[in-house]
């Protein structure tokens, strides 16, 4: 496996640009289920699955190995890409065929411009109803921004939130969705040990990885049994479904309706770069929740596992996310 150095959200030119706004961060990605056959778009409310989080530009340097402390070595490839959990998940959903849109804040700089172009290339609308251009980033997102996006959230099928914006804003978004009968999917990353209890009661589904699970519950996850214990604790805290992702071991699911934890395995692959695999998984899950709501959850997770396993076989974050036409059609 190639060694890799990645900067997500930090640019070597940052000191020279100290007087310029921080580079772009995003808040929401929205997935539109398709218009039914024979129905004109506009004949019914459009339905979306928003995703709350950040986005960032990343720089990737490939080397044959990681340098030792104080050592300088040669890299053999350098490229830039795009990241941030919400943007990643939005792009993955879009590449599966979803109609997506972004509610976000981006900096008035080259990073912001580049990211807007990235949205366009991925078929994500960037009209003024979806992009708010400001001199700021994640933590400047506020209640007023949510109010301007209320029409998107209230008409959603699924709202996905994380913790890369202010936790209070993520929680407010979850409450808005919950009060409108919108299914809520919460990805507690980066995790907080003192997470507000209301996050659990306003989240239909909580999806976390091993390290996030330990921070939330105090239980170190070393196997599927540990993951099941974490899932049960999360249910006790108030969510309806808990999913703990386990990388090459797939994931463990448990719900109030099926309180016995169950592992959902994933095919074994040779991983080249696992960066963004969790976002690929969550983006795919949001897609299935919005487009195939009657599919059994276990089947959704199997399909999401597969899509994430495809992403780890390529280098980069969004650059590794597969398109629908490159995937087996039995996934759809």
Protein backbone atom coordinates (compact mmCIF):
# COMPACT_ATOMS: atom_id res chain seq x y z
CA UNK A 1 0.00 0.00 0.00
CA UNK A 2 1.30 3.44 -0.82
CA UNK A 3 2.09 5.87 1.94
CA UNK A 4 0.09 9.03 1.70
CA UNK A 5 0.19 12.49 3.17
CA UNK A 6 -3.08 14.37 3.19
CA UNK A 7 -4.05 17.87 4.24
CA UNK A 8 -7.80 18.27 4.63
CA UNK A 9 -8.67 21.90 5.10
CA UNK A 10 -5.07 23.14 5.52
CA UNK A 11 -3.13 24.65 2.64
CA UNK A 12 0.62 25.42 2.63
CA UNK A 13 -0.28 28.86 1.32
CA UNK A 14 -2.45 29.63 4.35
CA UNK A 15 0.07 32.00 5.97
CA UNK A 16 0.25 34.07 2.80
CA UNK A 17 -3.53 34.16 2.69
CA UNK A 18 -3.98 35.03 6.36
CA UNK A 19 -5.94 38.16 5.50
CA UNK A 20 -8.36 36.24 3.31
CA UNK A 21 -11.49 34.33 4.40
CA UNK A 22 -11.13 30.69 5.48
CA UNK A 23 -11.54 28.27 2.63
CA UNK A 24 -14.96 26.78 1.92
CA UNK A 25 -17.08 24.63 4.17
CA UNK A 26 -20.49 23.21 3.37
CA UNK A 27 -23.53 22.48 5.45
CA UNK A 28 -26.18 20.55 3.59
CA UNK A 29 -26.51 18.13 0.74
CA UNK A 30 -29.97 17.24 -0.51
CA UNK A 31 -31.16 14.17 -2.38
CA UNK A 32 -34.29 14.26 -4.54
CA UNK A 33 -36.13 10.97 -5.14
CA UNK A 34 -37.22 10.55 -8.76
CA UNK A 35 -40.51 11.81 -10.12
CA UNK A 36 -42.87 8.81 -10.54
CA UNK A 37 -43.44 7.62 -14.10
CA UNK A 38 -46.28 9.57 -15.69
CA UNK A 39 -46.10 12.39 -13.15
CA UNK A 40 -44.88 15.82 -14.16
CA UNK A 41 -42.18 17.27 -11.98
CA UNK A 42 -43.93 20.04 -10.13
CA UNK A 43 -47.15 18.06 -9.83
CA UNK A 44 -46.01 17.07 -6.35
CA UNK A 45 -43.65 18.56 -3.74
CA UNK A 46 -40.01 17.75 -4.42
CA UNK A 47 -38.52 15.56 -1.72
CA UNK A 48 -34.94 15.70 -0.53
CA UNK A 49 -32.47 14.09 1.88
CA UNK A 50 -30.29 16.89 3.26
CA UNK A 51 -26.84 16.21 4.71
CA UNK A 52 -25.31 18.54 7.29
CA UNK A 53 -21.53 18.91 7.51
CA UNK A 54 -18.43 20.57 6.11
CA UNK A 55 -16.44 20.45 2.92
CA UNK A 56 -12.78 21.19 2.30
CA UNK A 57 -10.14 21.13 -0.39
CA UNK A 58 -7.48 18.49 0.17
CA UNK A 59 -3.92 18.04 -1.02
CA UNK A 60 -2.60 14.50 -1.47
CA UNK A 61 1.02 13.43 -1.80
CA UNK A 62 1.82 9.80 -2.60
CA UNK A 63 5.06 8.22 -1.43
CA UNK A 64 6.41 4.69 -1.27
CA UNK A 65 6.51 4.99 2.52
CA UNK A 66 5.84 7.47 5.30
CA UNK A 67 8.83 9.60 6.36
CA UNK A 68 10.43 9.18 9.76
CA UNK A 69 10.48 12.08 12.21
CA UNK A 70 12.69 14.82 10.79
CA UNK A 71 13.24 12.98 7.50
CA UNK A 72 12.66 14.42 4.01
CA UNK A 73 11.79 11.99 1.23
CA UNK A 74 10.61 12.25 -2.38
CA UNK A 75 6.99 11.78 -3.31
CA UNK A 76 6.06 10.42 -6.71
CA UNK A 77 2.61 11.94 -7.21
CA UNK A 78 0.76 15.02 -6.00
CA UNK A 79 -2.82 16.06 -6.62
CA UNK A 80 -5.60 18.08 -5.06
CA UNK A 81 -9.14 16.97 -4.41
CA UNK A 82 -12.30 17.84 -2.55
CA UNK A 83 -13.51 16.60 0.83
CA UNK A 84 -15.67 17.40 3.85
CA UNK A 85 -18.22 14.93 5.16
CA UNK A 86 -21.42 16.58 3.92
CA UNK A 87 -20.01 17.38 0.50
CA UNK A 88 -18.56 13.88 0.20
CA UNK A 89 -21.87 12.26 1.03
CA UNK A 90 -23.72 14.59 -1.34
CA UNK A 91 -21.35 13.75 -4.20
CA UNK A 92 -21.64 10.01 -3.56
CA UNK A 93 -25.44 10.22 -3.59
CA UNK A 94 -25.34 12.27 -6.79
CA UNK A 95 -23.09 9.72 -8.48
CA UNK A 96 -25.60 7.01 -7.65
CA UNK A 97 -28.18 8.95 -9.65
CA UNK A 98 -29.80 11.15 -7.03
CA UNK A 99 -30.83 14.72 -7.69
CA UNK A 100 -28.83 16.66 -5.11
CA UNK A 101 -28.38 20.23 -3.94
CA UNK A 102 -26.22 22.00 -1.37
CA UNK A 103 -27.08 24.43 1.41
CA UNK A 104 -23.67 25.73 2.41
CA UNK A 105 -21.26 28.52 3.11
CA UNK A 106 -18.09 28.95 1.06
CA UNK A 107 -15.25 31.43 1.29
CA UNK A 108 -14.94 34.26 -1.22
CA UNK A 109 -11.65 32.92 -2.51
CA UNK A 110 -10.21 30.46 -5.02
CA UNK A 111 -11.12 27.53 -2.78
CA UNK A 112 -14.76 28.55 -2.75
CA UNK A 113 -14.82 29.06 -6.50
CA UNK A 114 -13.16 25.69 -7.09
CA UNK A 115 -15.70 23.94 -4.90
CA UNK A 116 -18.64 25.54 -6.65
CA UNK A 117 -17.22 24.28 -9.93
CA UNK A 118 -16.83 20.83 -8.36
CA UNK A 119 -20.51 20.87 -7.41
CA UNK A 120 -21.46 21.75 -10.97
CA UNK A 121 -19.31 18.97 -12.41
CA UNK A 122 -21.14 16.51 -10.16
CA UNK A 123 -24.56 17.78 -11.22
CA UNK A 124 -25.24 19.58 -7.94
CA UNK A 125 -27.19 22.84 -8.40
CA UNK A 126 -25.50 26.01 -7.15
CA UNK A 127 -28.31 28.54 -7.42
CA UNK A 128 -28.77 31.16 -4.72
CA UNK A 129 -31.39 29.04 -2.97
CA UNK A 130 -28.71 26.47 -2.23
CA UNK A 131 -25.37 28.29 -1.95
CA UNK A 132 -24.78 31.26 0.33
CA UNK A 133 -21.47 32.92 -0.50
CA UNK A 134 -19.99 34.51 2.64
CA UNK A 135 -16.57 35.32 4.08
CA UNK A 136 -16.66 32.43 6.51
CA UNK A 137 -16.80 28.71 7.09
CA UNK A 138 -18.45 25.97 9.16
CA UNK A 139 -18.96 27.71 12.44
CA UNK A 140 -20.54 30.77 10.85
CA UNK A 141 -23.55 28.72 9.83
CA UNK A 142 -26.41 29.87 12.05
CA UNK A 143 -30.12 29.62 12.77
CA UNK A 144 -30.97 32.20 10.13
CA UNK A 145 -29.33 30.01 7.51
CA UNK A 146 -31.43 27.07 8.67
CA UNK A 147 -34.58 29.16 8.46
CA UNK A 148 -33.71 30.05 4.85
CA UNK A 149 -33.30 26.32 4.17
CA UNK A 150 -36.45 25.30 6.04
CA UNK A 151 -38.38 24.66 2.82
CA UNK A 152 -35.72 22.16 1.76
CA UNK A 153 -35.53 20.40 5.12
CA UNK A 154 -39.28 20.19 5.69
CA UNK A 155 -39.86 18.57 2.28
CA UNK A 156 -37.05 16.06 2.72
CA UNK A 157 -37.21 12.30 2.81
CA UNK A 158 -34.10 12.07 4.96
CA UNK A 159 -31.92 14.59 6.79
CA UNK A 160 -28.30 13.62 7.45
CA UNK A 161 -26.29 15.57 10.04
CA UNK A 162 -22.78 15.40 11.45
CA UNK A 163 -20.76 17.52 13.88
CA UNK A 164 -18.47 19.49 11.57
CA UNK A 165 -20.66 22.54 12.02
CA UNK A 166 -21.69 23.90 15.42
CA UNK A 167 -23.40 21.06 17.35
CA UNK A 168 -26.23 23.42 18.28
CA UNK A 169 -26.93 24.08 14.59
CA UNK A 170 -26.84 20.38 13.72
CA UNK A 171 -29.25 19.66 16.55
CA UNK A 172 -31.55 22.47 15.42
CA UNK A 173 -31.59 21.00 11.91
CA UNK A 174 -32.44 17.55 13.31
CA UNK A 175 -35.28 19.05 15.34
CA UNK A 176 -36.63 20.88 12.29
CA UNK A 177 -36.64 17.66 10.29
CA UNK A 178 -38.06 15.58 13.13
CA UNK A 179 -40.95 18.00 13.65
CA UNK A 180 -41.78 17.75 9.92
CA UNK A 181 -41.83 13.95 9.96
CA UNK A 182 -38.55 13.69 8.06
CA UNK A 183 -36.37 10.64 8.75
CA UNK A 184 -33.15 11.69 10.47
CA UNK A 185 -29.75 10.03 10.02
CA UNK A 186 -27.04 11.25 12.39
CA UNK A 187 -23.34 10.59 11.79
CA UNK A 188 -21.66 11.81 15.04
CA UNK A 189 -18.33 12.82 13.56
CA UNK A 190 -16.18 14.22 15.00
CA UNK A 191 -17.64 12.59 18.10
CA UNK A 192 -18.22 14.39 21.40
CA UNK A 193 -18.23 12.59 24.75
CA UNK A 194 -20.66 15.14 26.22
CA UNK A 195 -23.10 15.04 23.31
CA UNK A 196 -26.45 16.66 24.06
CA UNK A 197 -28.96 13.85 24.85
CA UNK A 198 -31.43 15.41 22.42
CA UNK A 199 -29.26 14.27 19.52
CA UNK A 200 -30.30 10.71 20.29
CA UNK A 201 -34.01 11.41 20.72
CA UNK A 202 -34.16 13.36 17.46
CA UNK A 203 -32.17 10.82 15.43
CA UNK A 204 -34.02 7.91 13.87
CA UNK A 205 -30.70 6.36 12.83
CA UNK A 206 -27.26 6.88 14.34
CA UNK A 207 -24.30 5.65 12.29
CA UNK A 208 -20.82 5.77 13.82
CA UNK A 209 -17.47 4.05 13.39
CA UNK A 210 -15.43 2.26 16.09
CA UNK A 211 -13.62 5.32 17.44
CA UNK A 212 -16.77 7.44 17.48
CA UNK A 213 -18.62 4.61 19.22
CA UNK A 214 -16.01 4.51 21.99
CA UNK A 215 -16.19 8.27 22.55
CA UNK A 216 -20.00 8.16 22.73
CA UNK A 217 -20.28 5.15 25.04
CA UNK A 218 -16.90 4.51 26.65
CA UNK A 219 -16.79 1.02 25.12
CA UNK A 220 -13.70 0.15 23.07
CA UNK A 221 -14.88 -1.62 19.91
CA UNK A 222 -12.60 -4.51 19.02
CA UNK A 223 -15.10 -6.93 17.53
CA UNK A 224 -18.71 -7.34 16.44
CA UNK A 225 -19.84 -8.19 19.98
CA UNK A 226 -18.49 -4.86 21.24
CA UNK A 227 -20.22 -3.08 18.37
CA UNK A 228 -23.50 -4.77 19.36
CA UNK A 229 -23.11 -3.57 22.94
CA UNK A 230 -22.55 -0.03 21.68
CA UNK A 231 -25.63 -0.27 19.49
CA UNK A 232 -27.82 -1.29 22.42
CA UNK A 233 -26.54 1.61 24.51
CA UNK A 234 -27.32 4.03 21.69
CA UNK A 235 -30.85 2.64 21.51
CA UNK A 236 -31.21 3.20 25.25
CA UNK A 237 -30.23 6.82 24.70
CA UNK A 238 -33.20 7.28 22.37
CA UNK A 239 -32.46 6.50 18.72
CA UNK A 240 -34.49 3.90 16.82
CA UNK A 241 -31.67 2.29 14.84
CA UNK A 242 -27.95 2.13 15.58
CA UNK A 243 -25.29 1.21 13.03
CA UNK A 244 -21.63 0.74 13.94
CA UNK A 245 -19.31 0.53 10.93
CA UNK A 246 -16.31 -1.78 11.21
CA UNK A 247 -14.27 -1.15 8.07
CA UNK A 248 -13.33 -4.49 6.45
CA UNK A 249 -15.75 -6.30 8.78
CA UNK A 250 -18.77 -4.45 7.42
CA UNK A 251 -21.10 -3.11 10.07
CA UNK A 252 -23.37 -4.11 12.94
CA UNK A 253 -27.01 -3.05 13.07
CA UNK A 254 -29.53 -3.10 15.88
CA UNK A 255 -32.95 -1.48 16.25
CA UNK A 256 -35.81 -1.13 18.67
CA UNK A 257 -37.82 -3.51 16.46
CA UNK A 258 -34.95 -6.02 16.16
CA UNK A 259 -32.96 -5.63 19.41
CA UNK A 260 -30.54 -8.48 18.70
CA UNK A 261 -27.38 -7.02 17.07
CA UNK A 262 -26.62 -8.37 13.61
CA UNK A 263 -23.46 -8.13 11.56
CA UNK A 264 -23.76 -7.13 7.91
CA UNK A 265 -20.51 -8.30 6.24
CA UNK A 266 -18.75 -6.77 3.24
CA UNK A 267 -16.76 -8.38 0.46
CA UNK A 268 -13.00 -8.52 0.98
CA UNK A 269 -11.00 -6.20 -1.27
CA UNK A 270 -7.45 -4.90 -1.50
CA UNK A 271 -7.68 -1.40 -0.03
CA UNK A 272 -5.57 1.31 -1.65
CA UNK A 273 -6.93 4.31 0.26
CA UNK A 274 -9.68 4.15 2.89
CA UNK A 275 -10.09 7.94 3.18
CA UNK A 276 -13.75 8.85 2.77
CA UNK A 277 -15.03 5.26 2.89
CA UNK A 278 -17.34 6.11 5.78
CA UNK A 279 -18.75 9.07 3.86
CA UNK A 280 -19.28 6.87 0.80
CA UNK A 281 -21.20 4.45 3.03
CA UNK A 282 -23.36 7.16 4.62
CA UNK A 283 -24.00 8.86 1.28
CA UNK A 284 -25.08 5.55 -0.22
CA UNK A 285 -27.29 4.79 2.79
CA UNK A 286 -28.95 8.21 2.48
CA UNK A 287 -29.56 7.46 -1.21
CA UNK A 288 -31.27 4.15 -0.43
CA UNK A 289 -33.31 5.61 2.41
CA UNK A 290 -34.62 8.32 0.06
CA UNK A 291 -35.05 6.29 -3.12
CA UNK A 292 -35.83 2.80 -1.80
CA UNK A 293 -37.57 3.42 1.56
CA UNK A 294 -39.31 0.03 1.51
CA UNK A 295 -36.08 -1.92 1.07
CA UNK A 296 -35.15 -3.84 4.26
CA UNK A 297 -32.49 -2.00 6.22
CA UNK A 298 -30.14 -4.97 6.10
CA UNK A 299 -30.31 -4.92 2.31
CA UNK A 300 -29.61 -1.18 2.25
CA UNK A 301 -26.55 -1.76 4.42
CA UNK A 302 -25.29 -4.59 2.20
CA UNK A 303 -25.52 -2.33 -0.83
CA UNK A 304 -23.93 0.60 1.00
CA UNK A 305 -21.11 -1.67 2.20
CA UNK A 306 -20.44 -2.73 -1.38
CA UNK A 307 -20.32 0.84 -2.67
CA UNK A 308 -17.93 1.86 0.11
CA UNK A 309 -15.74 -1.16 -0.67
CA UNK A 310 -15.45 0.04 -4.27
CA UNK A 311 -14.30 3.47 -3.07
CA UNK A 312 -11.34 2.12 -1.07
CA UNK A 313 -9.85 0.55 -4.18
CA UNK A 314 -9.00 3.98 -5.62
CA UNK A 315 -6.89 6.89 -4.39
CA UNK A 316 -8.43 10.09 -3.07
CA UNK A 317 -11.71 10.96 -1.42
CA UNK A 318 -14.39 12.12 -3.85
CA UNK A 319 -12.21 10.97 -6.73
CA UNK A 320 -12.68 7.41 -5.48
CA UNK A 321 -16.47 7.53 -5.19
CA UNK A 322 -18.09 5.32 -7.83
CA UNK A 323 -20.69 6.41 -10.37
CA UNK A 324 -23.91 4.49 -10.82
CA UNK A 325 -23.03 3.39 -14.35
CA UNK A 326 -19.81 1.80 -13.07
CA UNK A 327 -21.60 -0.30 -10.47
CA UNK A 328 -23.53 -3.59 -10.83
CA UNK A 329 -27.06 -2.69 -11.80
CA UNK A 330 -28.55 -5.11 -9.29
CA UNK A 331 -27.70 -2.45 -6.69
CA UNK A 332 -30.55 -0.34 -8.08
